[in-house]
Amino acid sequence: MTTATGPASAVEPAHLSPGRRAWQRFRRNRLGFWSLVVFCTLVVLSLCAEVLSTDRPLVVRYEGQTYFPVWRDYPETTFGGDFDTPADYLDPFIRARITTGGNWAVYAPNPYGPRTLNYFASQPNPAAPSRENLFGTDDRGRDLLAQLVYGFRVSVLFALALTAIGVVLGIVTGAIQGYFGGRTDLAFQRFIELWGSMPELYLLIIFSAIFAPSVALLLALLSLFGWMGLSDYVRAEFLRNRQMDYVRAARALGVSDLAIMWRHILPNSMVPVVTFLPFRMSAAILALTSLDFLGLGVPPGTPSLGELLSQGKANIDAWWISISTFGVLVVTLLLLTFMGDALRDALDPRKADR
C-alpha cells in the first residue's frame, strides 16, 4: 500500500546513519519536503528585498557616468536637479532625466521600498491594486507588496532569533533538571510554576510604557517566557536517558557530569527539540503579529504584518490590505506546520521503516 508520503514498506540501506535515515524519511513526505523548499525560497528572496523591492534604481547610466543609487545616496543635482537633497527617483522629472537622451536606469522588479510614499500616485490612499501598485497601497500611501515582503522578513528573522534563544534556554534548564533530579529538579519546577504564572501581556504593556519600543527589547521580554515549554520535554528525555547503561558506564569511567550531558545524553535527547522547531517558529510569528496588532510590538515605521492587519481593521473598505496580509500569514504558518508534521514522522521511532 502506498501513500502520499511514499511507500510504507520501503526498506532503507542498513549502512545509513540514523540522521541519513531520518532525512530519507523526511524527503519521502512530499508535502513536508516541498514546504521546506518553498519556505527556504521565500526566506532567501526576502533577504534580498533591498534588490527586489526598492524605490532606488539598481544602476543608473547618466551622461557617461555609472551610478549605483541602491547602495549610495546621490543629490538631485547629480541628475540635473536644482537641490542638494537626495534624489527622489519617483519624481517624473528625475525619472525623465535618467531614462532619456541616451541615459538609462535599471529599476527593481517592484520599484517601491517599505517606507516609500508615492506623492505622484493617481489614486487616493488607500489605493486599490493597479498596474502602478500590484497589491495596492495602505492608508499612508506605502506600497503594500513592499510592506508584505519586508514584514515577512522581519517576522521570520524575529521568529528564528526567538526560537534559537528559547531552544538554548530550554535545553540548559531541562538538562540540569533531568540529569541531577532530586532537589535540583524540585527547585526548578517550583521556579517554573511561579515564573509561568507571571502575566506576560501586562509585563509587555508596562515595559513598553517605560522603555522606547525596539525589536531587541521585545525579543528579550518574549525570551524570558518562551523556554519553559521546551524545557519540560528536554527534562523528560534526560530523566529517561540518565538511567541508561551507557551513562552508567561513563560515570564508572570517571567522565565528568558536563561531558556526559553534552556528549552522551544530549545527542539522544534532541528528537523533541528538532520536532518542535517549526511549531515554535509559528508561535513566535503569531506572537509578534498579535503584539504589533495591539501596538506593543516593533517600533513605528518598521514593516509589520500585525500593523497591516490593524490597518485592514481600520479600513474595512480596503479589502486588499486584510486579504493579502492574511494570505501571507496563512501560507507561512501552513508551510511551517507541514514541515513540523514531516519532521515528527521522520524522527518518530515507531514510524521508522523496518
Protein backbone atom coordinates (compact mmCIF):
# COMPACT_ATOMS: atom_id res chain seq x y z
CA MET A 1 0.00 0.00 0.00
CA THR A 2 1.32 3.46 -0.90
CA THR A 3 0.50 6.89 0.47
CA ALA A 4 1.26 10.49 -0.49
CA THR A 5 4.42 10.31 1.60
CA GLY A 6 5.88 7.36 -0.27
CA PRO A 7 5.85 3.58 0.03
CA ALA A 8 5.04 2.48 3.54
CA SER A 9 7.20 -0.63 3.27
CA ALA A 10 10.29 1.00 1.78
CA VAL A 11 13.50 -0.54 3.08
CA GLU A 12 16.47 1.72 3.77
CA PRO A 13 20.07 0.57 3.37
CA ALA A 14 21.47 -0.74 6.63
CA HIS A 15 24.71 1.27 6.30
CA LEU A 16 22.92 4.65 6.55
CA SER A 17 23.35 6.61 9.76
CA PRO A 18 20.26 7.43 11.84
CA GLY A 19 20.42 11.03 10.64
CA ARG A 20 20.54 9.99 6.98
CA ARG A 21 17.64 7.61 7.53
CA ALA A 22 15.58 10.37 9.12
CA TRP A 23 16.39 12.64 6.16
CA GLN A 24 15.29 9.93 3.71
CA ARG A 25 12.01 9.54 5.57
CA PHE A 26 11.56 13.31 5.59
CA ARG A 27 12.14 13.52 1.82
CA ARG A 28 9.54 10.81 1.19
CA ASN A 29 6.99 13.07 2.84
CA ARG A 30 6.40 15.18 -0.26
CA LEU A 31 4.21 17.76 1.44
CA GLY A 32 6.75 18.43 4.18
CA PHE A 33 9.76 18.38 1.84
CA TRP A 34 8.29 20.79 -0.70
CA SER A 35 7.07 23.01 2.13
CA LEU A 36 10.68 23.24 3.27
CA VAL A 37 11.82 24.11 -0.27
CA VAL A 38 9.15 26.80 -0.70
CA PHE A 39 9.74 28.28 2.75
CA CYS A 40 13.52 28.47 2.26
CA THR A 41 12.99 30.07 -1.15
CA LEU A 42 10.70 32.72 0.32
CA VAL A 43 13.17 33.45 3.12
CA VAL A 44 16.07 33.84 0.67
CA LEU A 45 14.00 36.16 -1.53
CA SER A 46 13.03 38.27 1.48
CA LEU A 47 16.70 38.57 2.46
CA CYS A 48 17.29 40.10 -0.99
CA ALA A 49 14.43 42.57 -0.52
CA GLU A 50 16.70 45.61 -0.94
CA VAL A 51 17.32 44.49 -4.50
CA LEU A 52 13.85 43.14 -5.33
CA SER A 53 11.76 45.93 -3.82
CA THR A 54 13.27 49.41 -3.55
CA ASP A 55 12.45 52.89 -4.78
CA ARG A 56 16.02 53.43 -5.96
CA PRO A 57 17.37 52.26 -9.32
CA LEU A 58 19.87 49.45 -9.11
CA VAL A 59 22.12 51.02 -11.77
CA VAL A 60 21.97 54.42 -13.49
CA ARG A 61 23.97 55.39 -16.57
CA TYR A 62 23.85 59.17 -16.82
CA GLU A 63 25.99 61.30 -19.16
CA GLY A 64 28.71 58.66 -19.45
CA GLN A 65 28.91 58.00 -15.70
CA THR A 66 27.66 54.91 -13.87
CA TYR A 67 25.90 55.30 -10.54
CA PHE A 68 24.58 52.77 -8.02
CA PRO A 69 21.80 54.53 -6.09
CA VAL A 70 20.74 51.32 -4.34
CA TRP A 71 23.99 51.42 -2.35
CA ARG A 72 24.68 55.15 -2.15
CA ASP A 73 22.80 58.44 -1.86
CA TYR A 74 23.18 60.93 -4.69
CA PRO A 75 21.92 64.55 -4.58
CA GLU A 76 19.34 65.69 -7.06
CA THR A 77 21.90 67.97 -8.69
CA THR A 78 23.81 64.90 -9.91
CA PHE A 79 20.99 64.24 -12.38
CA GLY A 80 20.27 67.82 -13.39
CA GLY A 81 18.03 68.81 -10.48
CA ASP A 82 18.06 72.06 -8.51
CA PHE A 83 18.52 70.88 -4.90
CA ASP A 84 21.29 69.15 -2.94
CA THR A 85 18.81 66.87 -1.19
CA PRO A 86 18.78 63.11 -2.00
CA ALA A 87 17.15 62.45 -5.35
CA ASP A 88 13.56 61.21 -5.44
CA TYR A 89 13.63 58.63 -8.21
CA LEU A 90 9.83 58.51 -8.36
CA ASP A 91 9.77 62.18 -9.35
CA PRO A 92 8.73 62.34 -13.04
CA PHE A 93 11.39 64.99 -13.67
CA ILE A 94 14.26 62.88 -12.25
CA ARG A 95 12.95 59.75 -13.94
CA ALA A 96 12.84 61.54 -17.29
CA ARG A 97 16.40 62.84 -16.82
CA ILE A 98 17.88 59.39 -16.19
CA THR A 99 15.93 57.50 -18.87
CA THR A 100 16.12 59.82 -21.90
CA GLY A 101 18.83 61.27 -24.11
CA GLY A 102 20.95 58.13 -24.14
CA ASN A 103 20.73 57.71 -20.38
CA TRP A 104 19.23 54.58 -18.82
CA ALA A 105 18.38 53.08 -15.44
CA VAL A 106 17.64 49.59 -14.16
CA TYR A 107 14.85 49.52 -11.57
CA ALA A 108 13.93 46.77 -9.12
CA PRO A 109 11.05 44.44 -10.06
CA ASN A 110 8.95 46.33 -7.50
CA PRO A 111 10.07 49.98 -7.58
CA TYR A 112 8.93 50.80 -4.05
CA GLY A 113 10.55 50.46 -0.63
CA PRO A 114 8.86 49.76 2.71
CA ARG A 115 8.74 53.46 3.63
CA THR A 116 8.21 54.90 0.15
CA LEU A 117 5.41 57.45 -0.08
CA ASN A 118 4.34 57.89 -3.68
CA TYR A 119 3.40 61.57 -3.83
CA PHE A 120 2.68 61.25 -7.54
CA ALA A 121 0.07 58.47 -7.26
CA SER A 122 -3.04 58.84 -9.38
CA GLN A 123 -5.45 57.45 -6.72
CA PRO A 124 -6.21 58.49 -3.14
CA ASN A 125 -4.92 56.29 -0.33
CA PRO A 126 -5.53 53.52 0.44
CA ALA A 127 -5.49 52.75 -3.30
CA ALA A 128 -6.77 49.52 -4.80
CA PRO A 129 -4.44 47.17 -6.72
CA SER A 130 -3.37 48.57 -10.06
CA ARG A 131 -0.53 48.38 -12.56
CA GLU A 132 1.27 51.02 -10.53
CA ASN A 133 0.89 49.15 -7.22
CA LEU A 134 0.18 45.48 -7.81
CA PHE A 135 -1.15 44.86 -4.29
CA GLY A 136 -2.46 48.39 -3.74
CA THR A 137 -1.34 50.82 -1.04
CA ASP A 138 -2.03 51.20 2.66
CA ASP A 139 -3.67 54.19 4.30
CA ARG A 140 -0.38 56.11 4.29
CA GLY A 141 0.33 55.59 0.61
CA ARG A 142 3.02 52.93 1.04
CA ASP A 143 3.20 50.09 -1.46
CA LEU A 144 1.55 47.03 0.05
CA LEU A 145 3.72 44.48 -1.76
CA ALA A 146 6.87 46.08 -0.34
CA GLN A 147 5.29 46.10 3.11
CA LEU A 148 4.49 42.39 2.86
CA VAL A 149 7.97 41.45 1.65
CA TYR A 150 9.79 43.36 4.36
CA GLY A 151 7.21 42.46 7.01
CA PHE A 152 7.61 38.77 6.20
CA ARG A 153 11.37 39.10 6.60
CA VAL A 154 11.05 40.85 9.96
CA SER A 155 8.63 38.18 11.21
CA VAL A 156 10.78 35.24 10.08
CA LEU A 157 14.06 36.65 11.41
CA PHE A 158 12.40 37.54 14.71
CA ALA A 159 10.92 34.04 14.95
CA LEU A 160 14.31 32.46 14.21
CA ALA A 161 16.04 34.54 16.89
CA LEU A 162 13.31 33.91 19.46
CA THR A 163 13.31 30.18 18.69
CA ALA A 164 17.10 29.95 18.96
CA ILE A 165 17.15 31.70 22.35
CA GLY A 166 14.25 29.61 23.62
CA VAL A 167 15.92 26.39 22.47
CA VAL A 168 19.20 27.24 24.23
CA LEU A 169 17.48 28.21 27.49
CA GLY A 170 15.11 25.24 27.31
CA ILE A 171 17.91 22.74 26.72
CA VAL A 172 20.09 24.13 29.53
CA THR A 173 17.34 24.23 32.15
CA GLY A 174 15.77 20.93 31.10
CA ALA A 175 19.15 19.18 31.05
CA ILE A 176 20.02 20.38 34.55
CA GLN A 177 16.65 19.29 35.92
CA GLY A 178 16.62 15.91 34.24
CA TYR A 179 20.22 14.94 34.88
CA PHE A 180 20.59 15.91 38.52
CA GLY A 181 16.97 15.34 39.60
CA GLY A 182 16.16 15.41 43.29
CA ARG A 183 16.19 18.79 44.98
CA THR A 184 17.59 20.50 41.90
CA ASP A 185 14.69 19.29 39.81
CA LEU A 186 12.19 20.20 42.54
CA ALA A 187 13.59 23.73 42.92
CA PHE A 188 13.49 24.33 39.15
CA GLN A 189 9.93 23.04 38.93
CA ARG A 190 8.74 25.40 41.66
CA PHE A 191 10.53 28.31 39.95
CA ILE A 192 8.92 27.44 36.60
CA GLU A 193 5.49 27.30 38.22
CA LEU A 194 5.98 30.76 39.72
CA TRP A 195 7.55 32.23 36.61
CA GLY A 196 4.85 30.76 34.36
CA SER A 197 2.14 32.43 36.42
CA MET A 198 3.51 35.90 35.64
CA PRO A 199 1.14 38.00 33.49
CA GLU A 200 3.22 38.21 30.31
CA LEU A 201 0.93 40.62 28.48
CA TYR A 202 0.78 43.03 31.41
CA LEU A 203 4.56 43.00 31.68
CA LEU A 204 4.82 43.83 27.97
CA ILE A 205 2.41 46.75 28.43
CA ILE A 206 4.38 48.07 31.43
CA PHE A 207 7.79 47.79 29.76
CA SER A 208 6.51 49.31 26.51
CA ALA A 209 5.35 52.33 28.53
CA ILE A 210 8.70 52.68 30.34
CA PHE A 211 11.16 51.98 27.51
CA ALA A 212 11.24 53.02 23.88
CA PRO A 213 9.89 50.19 21.73
CA SER A 214 12.54 48.15 19.95
CA VAL A 215 12.96 44.72 18.44
CA ALA A 216 15.72 43.87 20.94
CA LEU A 217 13.52 44.74 23.94
CA LEU A 218 10.63 42.72 22.54
CA LEU A 219 12.93 39.78 21.85
CA ALA A 220 14.34 39.88 25.38
CA LEU A 221 10.91 40.03 27.02
CA LEU A 222 9.45 37.17 24.99
CA SER A 223 12.60 35.08 25.53
CA LEU A 224 12.03 35.23 29.27
CA PHE A 225 8.90 33.10 28.88
CA GLY A 226 9.44 31.15 25.64
CA TRP A 227 11.75 28.45 27.02
CA MET A 228 9.50 26.75 29.57
CA GLY A 229 7.53 24.54 27.20
CA LEU A 230 10.63 23.00 25.62
CA SER A 231 12.32 22.63 29.00
CA ASP A 232 9.72 20.06 30.08
CA TYR A 233 10.40 17.82 27.06
CA VAL A 234 14.19 18.01 27.48
CA ARG A 235 13.82 17.29 31.20
CA ALA A 236 11.78 14.16 30.45
CA GLU A 237 14.37 12.92 27.94
CA PHE A 238 17.24 13.45 30.39
CA LEU A 239 15.32 11.73 33.20
CA ARG A 240 14.88 8.71 30.94
CA ASN A 241 18.34 8.61 29.41
CA ARG A 242 20.33 9.15 32.60
CA GLN A 243 19.41 5.61 33.69
CA MET A 244 20.76 4.03 30.51
CA ASP A 245 23.74 1.66 30.66
CA TYR A 246 26.00 3.89 28.55
CA VAL A 247 25.53 6.75 31.03
CA ARG A 248 26.32 4.49 33.99
CA ALA A 249 29.39 3.20 32.18
CA ALA A 250 30.57 6.75 31.54
CA ARG A 251 30.15 7.61 35.23
CA ALA A 252 32.08 4.49 36.22
CA LEU A 253 34.93 5.58 33.94
CA GLY A 254 35.12 8.93 35.71
CA VAL A 255 33.68 11.09 32.94
CA SER A 256 32.54 14.48 34.23
CA ASP A 257 28.85 15.35 34.51
CA LEU A 258 29.17 18.10 31.90
CA ALA A 259 30.81 15.74 29.39
CA ILE A 260 28.14 13.09 29.97
CA MET A 261 25.35 15.63 29.46
CA TRP A 262 26.94 17.15 26.34
CA ARG A 263 28.45 14.13 24.58
CA HIS A 264 26.20 11.24 25.61
CA ILE A 265 22.72 12.29 26.73
CA LEU A 266 22.07 15.45 24.69
CA PRO A 267 22.51 13.85 21.22
CA ASN A 268 19.98 11.20 22.23
CA SER A 269 17.52 13.79 23.56
CA MET A 270 17.26 16.09 20.54
CA VAL A 271 14.21 14.48 18.93
CA PRO A 272 11.62 16.68 20.72
CA VAL A 273 13.81 19.76 20.22
CA VAL A 274 14.05 19.31 16.44
CA THR A 275 10.43 18.23 16.12
CA PHE A 276 9.05 21.32 17.81
CA LEU A 277 11.24 23.87 15.98
CA PRO A 278 8.71 24.68 13.18
CA PHE A 279 5.84 24.88 15.67
CA ARG A 280 7.83 27.20 17.92
CA MET A 281 8.55 29.43 14.92
CA SER A 282 4.84 29.52 14.12
CA ALA A 283 4.06 30.54 17.69
CA ALA A 284 6.73 33.27 17.56
CA ILE A 285 5.34 34.71 14.31
CA LEU A 286 1.83 34.74 15.75
CA ALA A 287 3.06 36.38 18.95
CA LEU A 288 4.83 39.16 17.06
CA THR A 289 1.83 39.69 14.77
CA SER A 290 -0.54 39.88 17.74
CA LEU A 291 1.63 42.37 19.61
CA ASP A 292 2.03 44.53 16.51
CA PHE A 293 -1.73 44.45 16.01
CA LEU A 294 -2.14 45.78 19.58
CA GLY A 295 0.58 48.40 19.10
CA LEU A 296 3.00 46.73 21.54
CA GLY A 297 5.43 45.25 19.03
CA VAL A 298 8.13 46.67 16.79
CA PRO A 299 8.82 50.43 16.65
CA PRO A 300 6.54 52.58 14.46
CA GLY A 301 7.67 52.66 10.86
CA THR A 302 9.03 49.11 10.90
CA PRO A 303 7.31 46.89 8.30
CA SER A 304 4.95 44.63 10.22
CA LEU A 305 2.23 42.14 9.33
CA GLY A 306 0.40 42.94 12.56
CA GLU A 307 0.29 46.64 11.75
CA LEU A 308 -1.14 45.83 8.30
CA LEU A 309 -3.87 43.75 9.92
CA SER A 310 -4.63 46.70 12.19
CA GLN A 311 -4.88 48.94 9.09
CA GLY A 312 -7.21 46.41 7.46
CA LYS A 313 -9.42 46.52 10.54
CA ALA A 314 -9.47 50.32 10.48
CA ASN A 315 -10.16 50.42 6.71
CA ILE A 316 -12.80 47.78 6.07
CA ASP A 317 -13.41 49.02 2.52
CA ALA A 318 -9.72 48.48 1.66
CA TRP A 319 -10.19 44.72 1.41
CA TRP A 320 -6.83 44.22 -0.31
CA ILE A 321 -4.94 45.07 2.89
CA SER A 322 -6.59 42.41 5.04
CA ILE A 323 -6.75 39.70 2.38
CA SER A 324 -3.12 39.97 1.26
CA THR A 325 -1.76 40.12 4.82
CA PHE A 326 -3.96 37.24 5.94
CA GLY A 327 -2.81 35.24 2.91
CA VAL A 328 0.87 35.74 3.77
CA LEU A 329 0.29 34.63 7.36
CA VAL A 330 -1.76 31.57 6.35
CA VAL A 331 0.79 30.40 3.78
CA THR A 332 3.69 30.91 6.20
CA LEU A 333 2.03 29.05 9.06
CA LEU A 334 0.86 26.22 6.79
CA LEU A 335 4.38 25.71 5.44
CA LEU A 336 5.79 25.58 8.97
CA THR A 337 3.06 23.19 10.10
CA PHE A 338 3.65 20.80 7.20
CA MET A 339 7.39 20.88 7.92
CA GLY A 340 6.75 20.14 11.59
CA ASP A 341 4.50 17.19 10.79
CA ALA A 342 7.09 15.75 8.41
CA LEU A 343 9.86 16.17 10.98
CA ARG A 344 7.77 14.49 13.65
CA ASP A 345 7.08 11.49 11.41
CA ALA A 346 10.71 11.27 10.29
CA LEU A 347 12.06 11.27 13.84
CA ASP A 348 9.37 9.08 15.40
CA PRO A 349 10.98 5.70 16.13
CA ARG A 350 7.61 3.97 15.97
CA LYS A 351 7.25 5.03 12.34
CA ALA A 352 10.81 4.17 11.33
CA ASP A 353 10.97 1.69 8.46
CA ARG A 354 11.90 -1.82 9.46
